[in-house]
Amino acid sequence: MAGPTVSAEDGYSSMTGFIFLFNVIVGTGVLTLPAAFQQAGWLVAICVVVALCFLSFLTFTFVVEALSITNALLKSNSLHNSEEFEENKIVIDKMLSEHANIITSSDFQINKKYELGQMTLIHFSKVGNILIYINICAYLYGDLTIYSSAVPKSIRNVICPFNNSKNSSLSDFDLCWASLSLTRIDVYRILVVCFGVFICPFLFFNIIRSRWLQILTVCLRWIGFILMLSLSIERAIILRNDITTPLYYHNISMLWNPSIYSLFLQSEPIPKPPAFQPQNIPSLFGISVYVFMCHHSIPGIITPVRNKNNILYKIFIPVFITVLIFNLLLSTTAIIAFNHIEDIYTLNFIPNKEFIDISQIPYTLALIIGYFLCLFPVFALTSSYPIIGTSLLGNILSLCNFFTVLKTDKAQKILKCILPFVVLIPPLCIAVITNNVGYLTGFTGAIFGSGIQYIIPTLLVFKARRNFTHYITSKNISVVTNLQSYDCEEFDNVDDEMMQPTSSNNIQSEENIEIHNSTDHLTTSHSVSIITRCSNHPSLAKSMYASPFQHIFWIIIVLIWALVCTIIVLIDKIHHV
């Protein structure tokens, strides 16, 4: 069902839209990117990240264009009732055949929210819809699996202290506490179960993230990322200045940095990150795709923006440039500061309490900063988990509604009881098996993320453009037929009509009719001349939300890129099993 029409009072400013979009893009992926940078080589990593940022922006504009076309085609308050989704193609076809309207530029205004799944219901067949919903659900499952692993792992690394050895790199099979026979992996698995018990009740309610929670979350992220940048830069300077341990204690101002305490154990060589390591490129592909993932959230973020004029230049381009610079800065400062980068970058800032004297302010500050950064994924991801879980719940329910046997009242009641557990249990089981967040992120991003980020937006805009082209053709023919004796001045006086869909109660046919299944009309040379002479009329204006990438070349490039990325990463994951 389409979302409600968003009024100016209910919307928010472009700056708030910028914050929301930035918050969606900058998630878990950015914390796993530094390790991928180090493993693949900084030169190839920069090239891949820039290329993927551009392609992600390209398909982002595809989703926005498809959303505007869908709004134009379905400009009605009563077209999409929840009971009418199966018959929408019949409704649209009947609407197109009975009304001779002209689409104006105002019809393209994005006033109603149509999620990706809802748009595919309009533009694709039943089989296509099922495949797309499966892809969306698989990606969301991957998302929840990453969160189910990252949160317990971060907590485990905080509550399990460093041992007294000179090796700062701990194994999963080291004891967590000397007084208990629990290994670090045991504690991690216990925390996974506890996290599942804690989060489960939230999946039985419709959790909506408020505007203020979004702003609070993005503020915490900016604080965390600025701290990581500052601390890693200072650590890189210390390593290159060959500062010895006595100097650390003499220069107490440096002791606020929790990342330098590992240098008290043993001296480290200056990091010399490689420029190119081809064997690790597949993992970089998967993680980089995940880093720029936001396409599934576009309708919910863009629709409420009050002033969408020049939204491409006010929000879209600035957000992607900011995220790109941000990712490159965080990753490059990481590889020049650390010889070994954890799969979750915040874990590089765990303070070693063996060297901390809490009676002195710099030591206490280092402890607070270190724990804040280590628990940063816990704050950010735990608040997002119910949102993603609820989204997955809705998508699975929509997928079940494709099958008649699951539409009965009894089946729906059973589904509402068991689906929260279906959503929660598989990610927790996978998280118990592995805590390799980098592997999970790469796999989710490359295999399922490619579908969400590349394939679905590309096919969606292709179908939407084709449907709209047919609609425009049929409308122009109807108008031109009635205006054979009119000139352009008389054409200017033609009032625009709002498309009024036929009620689904009047529809008798149960056939699955395509949105544009009629190709009987042909444009005459006379009608073409009239359209050409009146081409500057506002009613023939192109959508202000049209993607700058209109050529079929871009669609082909994106599909080839998605296929190549998926194959490369899949082969790599199978090889490393």
Protein backbone atom coordinates (compact mmCIF):
# COMPACT_ATOMS: atom_id res chain seq x y z
CA MET A 1 0.00 0.00 0.00
CA ALA A 2 1.29 3.42 -0.83
CA GLY A 3 2.25 5.67 1.97
CA PRO A 4 0.12 8.68 2.82
CA THR A 5 0.44 11.92 0.93
CA VAL A 6 3.03 14.11 2.65
CA SER A 7 1.97 17.71 3.25
CA ALA A 8 4.35 20.62 3.71
CA GLU A 9 3.55 20.70 7.44
CA ASP A 10 4.41 17.02 7.87
CA GLY A 11 7.66 17.20 5.91
CA TYR A 12 11.11 18.39 6.83
CA SER A 13 13.82 20.64 5.42
CA SER A 14 16.52 19.76 2.91
CA MET A 15 19.12 19.84 5.68
CA THR A 16 17.16 17.28 7.69
CA GLY A 17 16.86 15.17 4.55
CA PHE A 18 20.63 15.43 4.12
CA ILE A 19 21.13 14.23 7.72
CA PHE A 20 18.70 11.34 7.32
CA LEU A 21 20.30 10.18 4.06
CA PHE A 22 23.81 10.49 5.46
CA ASN A 23 22.73 8.51 8.52
CA VAL A 24 21.37 5.69 6.36
CA ILE A 25 24.48 5.43 4.15
CA VAL A 26 27.07 5.69 6.93
CA GLY A 27 26.32 2.49 8.82
CA THR A 28 28.27 -0.66 9.58
CA GLY A 29 30.07 -0.70 6.25
CA VAL A 30 32.29 2.27 7.01
CA LEU A 31 33.65 0.48 10.11
CA THR A 32 34.69 -2.55 8.02
CA LEU A 33 36.18 -0.56 5.12
CA PRO A 34 39.60 0.28 6.71
CA ALA A 35 40.50 -3.41 7.06
CA ALA A 36 39.50 -4.02 3.43
CA PHE A 37 41.60 -1.00 2.40
CA GLN A 38 44.65 -2.45 4.10
CA GLN A 39 44.16 -5.94 2.69
CA ALA A 40 43.46 -4.94 -0.93
CA GLY A 41 45.99 -2.10 -1.16
CA TRP A 42 45.36 1.61 -0.88
CA LEU A 43 45.64 2.46 -4.60
CA VAL A 44 43.22 -0.15 -5.88
CA ALA A 45 40.94 0.48 -2.90
CA ILE A 46 40.64 4.19 -3.67
CA CYS A 47 39.85 3.44 -7.33
CA VAL A 48 37.23 0.83 -6.44
CA VAL A 49 35.55 2.99 -3.79
CA VAL A 50 35.34 6.01 -6.12
CA ALA A 51 33.91 3.85 -8.93
CA LEU A 52 31.36 2.23 -6.63
CA CYS A 53 30.37 5.61 -5.21
CA PHE A 54 29.63 6.87 -8.72
CA LEU A 55 27.65 3.76 -9.66
CA SER A 56 25.73 3.90 -6.41
CA PHE A 57 24.84 7.54 -7.11
CA LEU A 58 23.80 6.57 -10.64
CA THR A 59 21.36 3.91 -9.44
CA PHE A 60 20.22 6.25 -6.65
CA THR A 61 18.98 8.66 -9.33
CA PHE A 62 17.30 5.70 -11.04
CA VAL A 63 15.22 4.99 -7.93
CA VAL A 64 14.24 8.65 -7.56
CA GLU A 65 13.18 8.81 -11.22
CA ALA A 66 11.18 5.59 -10.93
CA LEU A 67 9.51 6.99 -7.80
CA SER A 68 8.51 10.19 -9.61
CA ILE A 69 7.17 8.26 -12.61
CA THR A 70 5.17 6.00 -10.30
CA ASN A 71 3.67 9.06 -8.60
CA ALA A 72 2.77 10.50 -12.00
CA LEU A 73 1.13 7.30 -13.23
CA LEU A 74 -0.77 6.73 -10.02
CA LYS A 75 -1.77 10.26 -9.11
CA SER A 76 -4.85 9.28 -7.13
CA ASN A 77 -5.74 9.06 -3.47
CA SER A 78 -7.75 5.87 -3.88
CA LEU A 79 -5.78 3.78 -6.37
CA HIS A 80 -3.78 1.76 -3.87
CA ASN A 81 -5.86 0.21 -1.17
CA SER A 82 -4.31 -2.81 0.42
CA GLU A 83 -6.87 -5.12 -1.20
CA GLU A 84 -6.22 -3.73 -4.67
CA PHE A 85 -2.54 -4.51 -5.13
CA GLU A 86 -3.15 -7.74 -7.01
CA GLU A 87 -5.44 -5.95 -9.44
CA ASN A 88 -3.36 -2.79 -9.91
CA LYS A 89 -2.33 -3.63 -13.45
CA ILE A 90 -5.99 -4.02 -14.43
CA VAL A 91 -6.85 -0.71 -12.76
CA ILE A 92 -4.05 1.12 -14.51
CA ASP A 93 -4.84 -0.38 -17.90
CA LYS A 94 -8.51 0.53 -17.53
CA MET A 95 -7.55 4.02 -16.40
CA LEU A 96 -5.30 4.55 -19.40
CA SER A 97 -7.92 3.35 -21.86
CA GLU A 98 -10.78 5.49 -20.52
CA HIS A 99 -9.13 8.87 -19.90
CA ALA A 100 -7.35 11.18 -22.29
CA ASN A 101 -5.16 13.14 -19.91
CA ILE A 102 -1.93 15.01 -20.24
CA ILE A 103 0.74 14.50 -17.63
CA THR A 104 2.10 17.83 -16.41
CA SER A 105 5.34 18.48 -14.59
CA SER A 106 3.41 18.80 -11.31
CA ASP A 107 2.23 15.20 -11.67
CA PHE A 108 5.83 14.09 -11.15
CA GLN A 109 5.98 15.60 -7.68
CA ILE A 110 6.94 12.93 -5.16
CA ASN A 111 4.06 13.37 -2.74
CA LYS A 112 3.38 9.71 -2.00
CA LYS A 113 5.82 7.15 -0.69
CA TYR A 114 6.06 3.98 -2.76
CA GLU A 115 8.60 1.52 -1.38
CA LEU A 116 10.76 -0.54 -3.74
CA GLY A 117 8.50 -3.54 -3.30
CA GLN A 118 5.40 -1.48 -4.02
CA MET A 119 6.89 -0.05 -7.20
CA THR A 120 7.84 -3.50 -8.42
CA LEU A 121 4.23 -4.60 -7.88
CA ILE A 122 3.21 -1.94 -10.38
CA HIS A 123 5.89 -2.42 -13.01
CA PHE A 124 6.74 -6.15 -12.89
CA SER A 125 5.00 -9.50 -13.26
CA LYS A 126 4.22 -11.81 -10.32
CA VAL A 127 7.35 -13.91 -10.86
CA GLY A 128 9.50 -10.78 -11.02
CA ASN A 129 7.92 -9.49 -7.82
CA ILE A 130 8.60 -12.73 -5.96
CA LEU A 131 12.26 -12.74 -7.04
CA ILE A 132 12.71 -9.11 -6.03
CA TYR A 133 11.09 -9.65 -2.63
CA ILE A 134 13.34 -12.67 -2.06
CA ASN A 135 16.37 -10.49 -2.85
CA ILE A 136 15.20 -7.76 -0.48
CA CYS A 137 14.52 -10.26 2.31
CA ALA A 138 17.90 -11.97 1.80
CA TYR A 139 19.70 -8.62 2.02
CA LEU A 140 17.83 -7.64 5.18
CA TYR A 141 18.68 -11.03 6.69
CA GLY A 142 22.33 -10.32 5.90
CA ASP A 143 21.99 -6.90 7.53
CA LEU A 144 20.58 -8.40 10.71
CA THR A 145 23.29 -11.08 10.73
CA ILE A 146 26.00 -8.41 10.61
CA TYR A 147 24.33 -6.51 13.44
CA SER A 148 23.84 -9.73 15.45
CA SER A 149 27.59 -10.33 15.22
CA ALA A 150 28.97 -6.79 15.50
CA VAL A 151 27.10 -5.81 18.68
CA PRO A 152 28.04 -8.87 20.82
CA LYS A 153 31.60 -8.80 19.48
CA SER A 154 32.03 -5.17 20.51
CA ILE A 155 30.64 -5.86 23.99
CA ARG A 156 32.83 -8.96 24.34
CA ASN A 157 35.97 -7.01 23.51
CA VAL A 158 35.11 -4.47 26.19
CA ILE A 159 34.27 -6.83 29.04
CA CYS A 160 37.09 -9.28 28.27
CA PRO A 161 40.28 -7.45 29.34
CA PHE A 162 43.67 -7.78 27.73
CA ASN A 163 45.79 -10.49 29.24
CA ASN A 164 49.23 -9.81 30.65
CA SER A 165 51.13 -11.20 27.72
CA LYS A 166 53.11 -9.13 25.32
CA ASN A 167 50.86 -10.15 22.49
CA SER A 168 48.16 -7.57 21.98
CA SER A 169 46.42 -9.73 19.39
CA LEU A 170 44.09 -12.08 21.24
CA SER A 171 42.62 -15.34 20.00
CA ASP A 172 38.98 -16.33 20.31
CA PHE A 173 40.13 -19.30 22.38
CA ASP A 174 42.00 -17.27 24.98
CA LEU A 175 40.35 -17.12 28.40
CA CYS A 176 38.17 -14.08 28.94
CA TRP A 177 38.81 -13.96 32.69
CA ALA A 178 41.51 -15.77 34.63
CA SER A 179 39.00 -16.77 37.32
CA LEU A 180 36.57 -18.47 34.88
CA SER A 181 37.09 -21.15 32.27
CA LEU A 182 35.17 -19.21 29.64
CA THR A 183 36.98 -18.42 26.40
CA ARG A 184 36.39 -15.24 24.47
CA ILE A 185 34.34 -17.11 21.85
CA ASP A 186 32.18 -18.61 24.64
CA VAL A 187 31.45 -15.16 26.02
CA TYR A 188 30.69 -13.91 22.51
CA ARG A 189 28.13 -16.66 21.93
CA ILE A 190 26.49 -16.03 25.29
CA LEU A 191 26.20 -12.35 24.36
CA VAL A 192 24.64 -13.26 20.99
CA VAL A 193 21.90 -15.18 22.81
CA CYS A 194 21.40 -12.34 25.31
CA PHE A 195 21.20 -9.83 22.47
CA GLY A 196 18.52 -11.94 20.77
CA VAL A 197 16.49 -12.17 23.99
CA PHE A 198 16.77 -8.40 24.46
CA ILE A 199 15.82 -7.46 20.90
CA CYS A 200 13.04 -10.01 20.31
CA PRO A 201 10.19 -8.06 22.01
CA PHE A 202 10.81 -5.06 19.75
CA LEU A 203 9.95 -7.14 16.67
CA PHE A 204 6.38 -7.60 17.90
CA PHE A 205 5.81 -3.85 17.68
CA ASN A 206 6.02 -1.41 14.81
CA ILE A 207 9.10 0.59 15.80
CA ILE A 208 9.45 3.90 13.96
CA ARG A 209 12.62 5.92 14.34
CA SER A 210 11.80 9.52 15.18
CA ARG A 211 13.39 12.57 13.64
CA TRP A 212 15.16 13.46 16.88
CA LEU A 213 16.56 9.96 17.31
CA GLN A 214 17.92 10.19 13.77
CA ILE A 215 19.62 13.50 14.55
CA LEU A 216 20.98 12.16 17.86
CA THR A 217 22.35 9.08 16.09
CA VAL A 218 24.07 11.10 13.39
CA CYS A 219 25.60 13.38 16.06
CA LEU A 220 27.01 10.34 17.89
CA ARG A 221 28.39 9.05 14.59
CA TRP A 222 30.08 12.35 13.79
CA ILE A 223 31.61 12.47 17.27
CA GLY A 224 32.83 8.89 16.91
CA PHE A 225 34.26 9.37 13.44
CA ILE A 226 35.99 12.65 14.30
CA LEU A 227 37.55 10.96 17.32
CA MET A 228 38.77 8.04 15.21
CA LEU A 229 40.27 10.42 12.64
CA SER A 230 42.02 12.49 15.32
CA LEU A 231 43.35 9.52 17.27
CA SER A 232 44.64 7.67 14.22
CA ILE A 233 46.39 10.78 12.86
CA GLU A 234 48.09 11.36 16.23
CA ARG A 235 49.14 7.71 16.38
CA ALA A 236 50.62 7.92 12.88
CA ILE A 237 52.61 11.02 13.90
CA ILE A 238 53.89 9.31 17.06
CA LEU A 239 55.06 6.25 15.11
CA ARG A 240 56.91 8.37 12.56
CA ASN A 241 58.57 10.54 15.22
CA ASP A 242 59.94 7.44 16.99
CA ILE A 243 58.68 8.53 20.39
CA THR A 244 59.86 6.12 23.11
CA THR A 245 57.87 4.91 26.11
CA PRO A 246 59.50 7.31 28.64
CA LEU A 247 58.51 10.21 26.43
CA TYR A 248 54.88 9.11 26.59
CA TYR A 249 54.85 9.57 30.34
CA HIS A 250 56.79 12.83 30.07
CA ASN A 251 54.36 14.24 27.52
CA ILE A 252 51.16 13.51 29.39
CA SER A 253 49.02 15.27 26.76
CA MET A 254 49.41 12.23 24.50
CA LEU A 255 47.96 9.85 27.06
CA TRP A 256 44.36 10.78 26.21
CA ASN A 257 44.72 8.63 23.07
CA PRO A 258 43.71 5.00 23.84
CA SER A 259 45.27 3.69 20.62
CA ILE A 260 48.85 4.43 21.75
CA TYR A 261 48.73 2.14 24.79
CA SER A 262 49.52 -0.89 22.64
CA LEU A 263 52.88 0.79 21.95
CA PHE A 264 53.73 0.43 25.65
CA LEU A 265 53.83 -3.35 25.20
CA GLN A 266 56.20 -3.41 22.26
CA SER A 267 57.50 -1.05 19.61
CA GLU A 268 55.80 -1.25 16.25
CA PRO A 269 57.24 -0.59 12.80
CA ILE A 270 55.95 2.32 10.77
CA PRO A 271 52.96 1.06 8.75
CA LYS A 272 53.77 0.74 5.06
CA PRO A 273 50.45 -0.17 3.45
CA PRO A 274 50.73 -1.92 0.07
CA ALA A 275 49.33 -0.24 -3.01
CA PHE A 276 47.97 -3.36 -4.69
CA GLN A 277 47.12 -6.86 -3.44
CA PRO A 278 44.86 -8.45 -6.06
CA GLN A 279 44.04 -11.56 -4.02
CA ASN A 280 42.03 -9.46 -1.56
CA ILE A 281 40.11 -7.33 -4.07
CA PRO A 282 36.93 -9.50 -4.03
CA SER A 283 36.36 -8.79 -0.35
CA LEU A 284 36.82 -5.07 -1.04
CA PHE A 285 34.09 -5.22 -3.70
CA GLY A 286 31.54 -6.66 -1.30
CA ILE A 287 32.31 -4.28 1.55
CA SER A 288 32.40 -1.22 -0.75
CA VAL A 289 28.98 -2.08 -2.16
CA TYR A 290 27.66 -2.28 1.40
CA VAL A 291 29.29 1.05 2.30
CA PHE A 292 27.10 3.03 -0.13
CA MET A 293 23.89 1.10 0.45
CA CYS A 294 20.83 3.32 0.92
CA HIS A 295 18.55 2.49 -2.00
CA HIS A 296 15.97 0.56 -0.01
CA SER A 297 15.40 3.67 2.17
CA ILE A 298 15.15 6.31 -0.58
CA PRO A 299 11.33 6.59 -0.76
CA GLY A 300 10.97 7.06 2.99
CA ILE A 301 13.66 9.76 3.09
CA ILE A 302 12.97 11.73 -0.09
CA THR A 303 9.16 11.87 0.01
CA PRO A 304 8.85 14.01 3.19
CA VAL A 305 11.33 16.68 2.01
CA ARG A 306 9.26 19.87 1.70
CA ASN A 307 11.18 21.72 -1.01
CA LYS A 308 12.41 19.30 -3.66
CA ASN A 309 13.50 21.94 -6.17
CA ASN A 310 17.06 21.20 -7.32
CA ILE A 311 17.15 18.30 -4.87
CA LEU A 312 19.86 16.67 -6.97
CA TYR A 313 22.27 19.51 -6.17
CA LYS A 314 21.00 20.33 -2.67
CA ILE A 315 20.95 16.81 -1.21
CA PHE A 316 21.96 13.95 -3.51
CA ILE A 317 25.33 15.11 -4.84
CA PRO A 318 26.49 16.73 -1.54
CA VAL A 319 25.62 13.58 0.43
CA PHE A 320 27.53 11.24 -1.87
CA ILE A 321 30.56 13.55 -2.03
CA THR A 322 30.55 13.89 1.77
CA VAL A 323 30.27 10.12 2.29
CA LEU A 324 33.03 9.45 -0.26
CA ILE A 325 35.45 11.93 1.35
CA PHE A 326 34.52 10.63 4.76
CA ASN A 327 35.20 6.99 3.84
CA LEU A 328 38.50 7.80 2.14
CA LEU A 329 39.70 9.90 5.08
CA LEU A 330 38.80 7.29 7.68
CA SER A 331 40.37 4.42 5.74
CA THR A 332 43.58 6.18 4.68
CA THR A 333 44.27 7.49 8.18
CA ALA A 334 43.68 3.97 9.51
CA ILE A 335 46.20 2.29 7.21
CA ILE A 336 48.95 4.79 8.03
CA ALA A 337 48.37 4.45 11.78
CA PHE A 338 47.95 0.69 12.33
CA ASN A 339 49.87 -2.33 11.12
CA HIS A 340 46.88 -4.53 11.91
CA ILE A 341 43.30 -3.31 11.53
CA GLU A 342 40.44 -5.23 13.13
CA ASP A 343 37.43 -6.18 11.02
CA ILE A 344 35.47 -3.62 13.06
CA TYR A 345 37.73 -0.57 13.09
CA THR A 346 36.55 0.72 16.48
CA LEU A 347 38.15 -2.32 18.14
CA ASN A 348 41.57 -0.83 17.38
CA PHE A 349 40.90 1.77 20.08
CA ILE A 350 40.43 -0.58 23.04
CA PRO A 351 42.46 0.90 25.92
CA ASN A 352 44.80 -1.45 27.76
CA LYS A 353 43.80 -0.96 31.39
CA GLU A 354 47.11 -2.46 32.52
CA PHE A 355 48.77 0.91 31.85
CA ILE A 356 45.96 3.22 32.93
CA ASP A 357 45.96 5.09 36.21
CA ILE A 358 42.38 6.25 36.67
CA SER A 359 43.47 8.80 39.27
CA GLN A 360 44.89 10.99 36.49
CA ILE A 361 42.60 12.81 34.08
CA PRO A 362 44.39 11.90 30.79
CA TYR A 363 44.22 8.19 31.64
CA THR A 364 40.56 8.43 32.60
CA LEU A 365 39.82 10.35 29.42
CA ALA A 366 41.57 7.66 27.37
CA LEU A 367 39.46 5.02 29.09
CA ILE A 368 36.22 6.89 28.40
CA ILE A 369 37.11 7.59 24.76
CA GLY A 370 38.25 4.03 24.17
CA TYR A 371 35.11 2.49 25.61
CA PHE A 372 32.89 4.97 23.78
CA LEU A 373 34.46 4.02 20.45
CA CYS A 374 34.39 0.30 21.19
CA LEU A 375 30.72 0.50 22.17
CA PHE A 376 29.92 2.83 19.26
CA PRO A 377 28.58 -0.06 17.10
CA VAL A 378 26.40 -1.11 20.03
CA PHE A 379 24.72 2.32 20.23
CA ALA A 380 24.33 2.78 16.49
CA LEU A 381 23.36 -0.75 15.46
CA THR A 382 21.09 -1.67 18.35
CA SER A 383 18.85 1.32 17.60
CA SER A 384 18.69 0.28 13.94
CA TYR A 385 18.05 -3.43 14.55
CA PRO A 386 14.30 -3.15 15.34
CA ILE A 387 13.82 -0.87 12.32
CA ILE A 388 15.43 -3.33 9.93
CA GLY A 389 13.74 -6.27 11.65
CA THR A 390 10.33 -4.65 11.27
CA SER A 391 11.11 -3.90 7.61
CA LEU A 392 12.09 -7.53 7.02
CA LEU A 393 8.93 -8.65 8.81
CA GLY A 394 6.80 -6.55 6.46
CA ASN A 395 8.62 -7.79 3.37
CA ILE A 396 8.24 -11.45 4.37
CA LEU A 397 4.54 -10.86 5.02
CA SER A 398 4.19 -9.24 1.58
CA LEU A 399 6.00 -12.21 0.04
CA CYS A 400 3.63 -14.62 1.78
CA ASN A 401 0.64 -12.71 0.39
CA PHE A 402 1.60 -13.83 -3.12
CA PHE A 403 0.35 -17.29 -2.17
CA THR A 404 -3.40 -17.76 -1.78
CA VAL A 405 -3.12 -20.39 0.94
CA LEU A 406 -1.43 -17.84 3.23
CA LYS A 407 -4.10 -15.15 2.78
CA THR A 408 -6.73 -16.69 5.04
CA ASP A 409 -7.45 -15.09 8.40
CA LYS A 410 -6.15 -18.13 10.25
CA ALA A 411 -2.91 -18.16 8.26
CA GLN A 412 -2.42 -14.43 8.82
CA LYS A 413 -2.82 -14.81 12.59
CA ILE A 414 -0.30 -17.67 12.64
CA LEU A 415 2.15 -15.67 10.52
CA LYS A 416 1.97 -12.67 12.85
CA CYS A 417 2.93 -14.92 15.75
CA ILE A 418 5.77 -16.87 14.15
CA LEU A 419 7.30 -14.36 11.72
CA PRO A 420 9.16 -12.37 14.42
CA PHE A 421 11.00 -15.58 15.32
CA VAL A 422 11.58 -16.34 11.62
CA VAL A 423 13.16 -12.89 11.35
CA LEU A 424 15.31 -13.21 14.48
CA ILE A 425 16.52 -16.81 14.70
CA PRO A 426 18.45 -17.27 11.39
CA PRO A 427 20.70 -14.19 11.88
CA LEU A 428 21.43 -15.22 15.47
CA CYS A 429 22.31 -18.77 14.41
CA ILE A 430 24.75 -17.51 11.78
CA ALA A 431 26.22 -15.03 14.28
CA VAL A 432 26.83 -17.89 16.73
CA ILE A 433 28.72 -19.80 14.04
CA THR A 434 30.99 -16.93 12.96
CA ASN A 435 32.00 -13.54 14.34
CA ASN A 436 33.87 -12.48 11.20
CA VAL A 437 32.00 -9.26 10.51
CA GLY A 438 34.20 -8.41 7.52
CA TYR A 439 33.31 -11.70 5.82
CA LEU A 440 29.59 -11.25 6.54
CA THR A 441 29.65 -7.67 5.24
CA GLY A 442 31.47 -8.62 2.04
CA PHE A 443 29.15 -11.54 1.36
CA THR A 444 25.96 -9.57 2.07
CA GLY A 445 27.11 -6.56 0.08
CA ALA A 446 28.29 -8.39 -3.01
CA ILE A 447 25.67 -11.13 -3.33
CA PHE A 448 22.46 -9.55 -2.06
CA GLY A 449 23.53 -5.90 -1.94
CA SER A 450 24.26 -5.90 -5.67
CA GLY A 451 20.64 -6.78 -6.29
CA ILE A 452 19.34 -3.96 -4.08
CA GLN A 453 21.87 -1.38 -5.22
CA TYR A 454 22.30 -2.17 -8.90
CA ILE A 455 19.93 -4.71 -10.43
CA ILE A 456 16.56 -3.72 -8.92
CA PRO A 457 16.95 0.08 -9.44
CA THR A 458 18.18 -0.44 -13.00
CA LEU A 459 15.40 -2.81 -14.03
CA LEU A 460 12.87 -0.68 -12.18
CA VAL A 461 13.74 2.54 -13.99
CA PHE A 462 13.90 0.67 -17.31
CA LYS A 463 10.37 -0.67 -16.83
CA ALA A 464 9.08 2.65 -15.46
CA ARG A 465 10.46 4.57 -18.44
CA ARG A 466 8.96 2.08 -20.86
CA ASN A 467 5.58 2.20 -19.13
CA PHE A 468 5.66 5.99 -19.05
CA THR A 469 6.68 6.21 -22.71
CA HIS A 470 3.70 4.09 -23.66
CA TYR A 471 1.43 6.20 -21.48
CA ILE A 472 2.68 9.45 -23.01
CA THR A 473 2.31 8.02 -26.50
CA SER A 474 -1.28 6.99 -25.88
CA LYS A 475 -2.14 10.34 -24.30
CA ASN A 476 -0.54 12.36 -27.07
CA ILE A 477 -2.47 10.41 -29.66
CA SER A 478 -5.77 11.01 -27.86
CA VAL A 479 -5.08 14.71 -27.42
CA VAL A 480 -3.78 15.20 -30.92
CA THR A 481 -6.78 13.41 -32.37
CA ASN A 482 -9.05 15.90 -30.62
CA LEU A 483 -6.87 18.85 -31.59
CA GLN A 484 -6.43 18.32 -35.30
CA SER A 485 -7.87 21.79 -35.96
CA TYR A 486 -6.14 23.49 -33.03
CA ASP A 487 -2.95 25.47 -33.09
CA CYS A 488 -0.53 25.81 -30.21
CA GLU A 489 -2.33 28.81 -28.69
CA GLU A 490 -5.54 26.83 -28.45
CA PHE A 491 -3.57 23.89 -27.10
CA ASP A 492 -2.35 26.12 -24.27
CA ASN A 493 -5.94 26.55 -23.09
CA VAL A 494 -6.56 22.86 -22.58
CA ASP A 495 -7.09 22.19 -18.87
CA ASP A 496 -5.13 19.41 -17.25
CA GLU A 497 -7.16 16.59 -15.72
CA MET A 498 -6.24 14.58 -12.69
CA MET A 499 -6.14 10.89 -13.49
CA GLN A 500 -9.12 9.23 -11.79
CA PRO A 501 -8.72 5.47 -11.45
CA THR A 502 -11.64 3.15 -11.92
CA SER A 503 -12.80 1.57 -8.68
CA SER A 504 -11.65 -1.96 -8.21
CA ASN A 505 -15.25 -2.92 -7.43
CA ASN A 506 -16.10 -2.46 -11.10
CA ILE A 507 -13.32 -4.72 -12.29
CA GLN A 508 -14.52 -8.18 -13.29
CA SER A 509 -11.47 -9.57 -15.03
CA GLU A 510 -8.96 -11.54 -12.98
CA GLU A 511 -6.28 -11.59 -15.64
CA ASN A 512 -2.83 -10.18 -14.95
CA ILE A 513 -2.76 -7.41 -17.54
CA GLU A 514 0.43 -5.45 -18.09
CA ILE A 515 0.47 -1.72 -17.37
CA HIS A 516 0.76 -1.10 -21.09
CA ASN A 517 -0.47 -4.01 -23.12
CA SER A 518 -1.96 -2.07 -25.98
CA THR A 519 0.13 -1.11 -28.98
CA ASP A 520 -2.68 -0.61 -31.45
CA HIS A 521 -2.29 3.17 -31.85
CA LEU A 522 0.11 4.62 -34.35
CA THR A 523 1.21 8.23 -34.49
CA THR A 524 0.49 9.92 -37.78
CA SER A 525 2.84 12.38 -39.43
CA HIS A 526 0.32 15.14 -38.80
CA SER A 527 0.15 14.38 -35.08
CA VAL A 528 3.94 14.28 -34.90
CA SER A 529 4.13 17.76 -36.40
CA ILE A 530 1.66 19.11 -33.84
CA ILE A 531 3.59 17.52 -30.97
CA THR A 532 6.82 18.96 -32.35
CA ARG A 533 5.41 22.46 -32.67
CA CYS A 534 3.98 22.33 -29.14
CA SER A 535 6.94 20.57 -27.56
CA ASN A 536 7.69 23.51 -25.27
CA HIS A 537 4.28 23.34 -23.61
CA PRO A 538 4.54 22.67 -19.85
CA SER A 539 2.25 19.65 -20.16
CA LEU A 540 4.94 17.93 -22.23
CA ALA A 541 7.75 18.83 -19.85
CA LYS A 542 10.13 16.15 -18.64
CA SER A 543 10.18 15.18 -14.98
CA MET A 544 12.34 17.39 -12.78
CA TYR A 545 13.42 14.18 -11.03
CA ALA A 546 14.65 12.47 -14.18
CA SER A 547 18.07 10.88 -13.81
CA PRO A 548 20.90 12.61 -15.70
CA PHE A 549 21.80 9.14 -16.99
CA GLN A 550 19.08 8.57 -19.59
CA HIS A 551 20.98 6.59 -22.20
CA ILE A 552 20.51 2.81 -22.35
CA PHE A 553 24.31 2.58 -22.13
CA TRP A 554 24.18 3.30 -18.39
CA ILE A 555 21.67 0.54 -17.76
CA ILE A 556 23.85 -1.98 -19.60
CA ILE A 557 26.99 -0.85 -17.75
CA VAL A 558 25.35 -1.19 -14.33
CA LEU A 559 23.98 -4.67 -15.05
CA ILE A 560 27.35 -5.90 -16.35
CA TRP A 561 29.14 -4.41 -13.34
CA ALA A 562 26.69 -6.05 -10.91
CA LEU A 563 27.12 -9.42 -12.61
CA VAL A 564 30.93 -9.22 -12.60
CA CYS A 565 31.06 -8.12 -8.93
CA THR A 566 28.74 -10.92 -7.84
CA ILE A 567 30.65 -13.62 -9.73
CA ILE A 568 34.07 -12.46 -8.48
CA VAL A 569 33.00 -12.30 -4.85
CA LEU A 570 31.04 -15.56 -4.99
CA ILE A 571 34.04 -17.43 -6.40
CA ASP A 572 36.26 -15.89 -3.72
CA LYS A 573 33.90 -16.83 -0.88
CA ILE A 574 33.56 -20.40 -2.15
CA HIS A 575 37.35 -20.63 -2.48
CA HIS A 576 37.87 -19.57 1.14
CA VAL A 577 35.22 -21.85 2.64
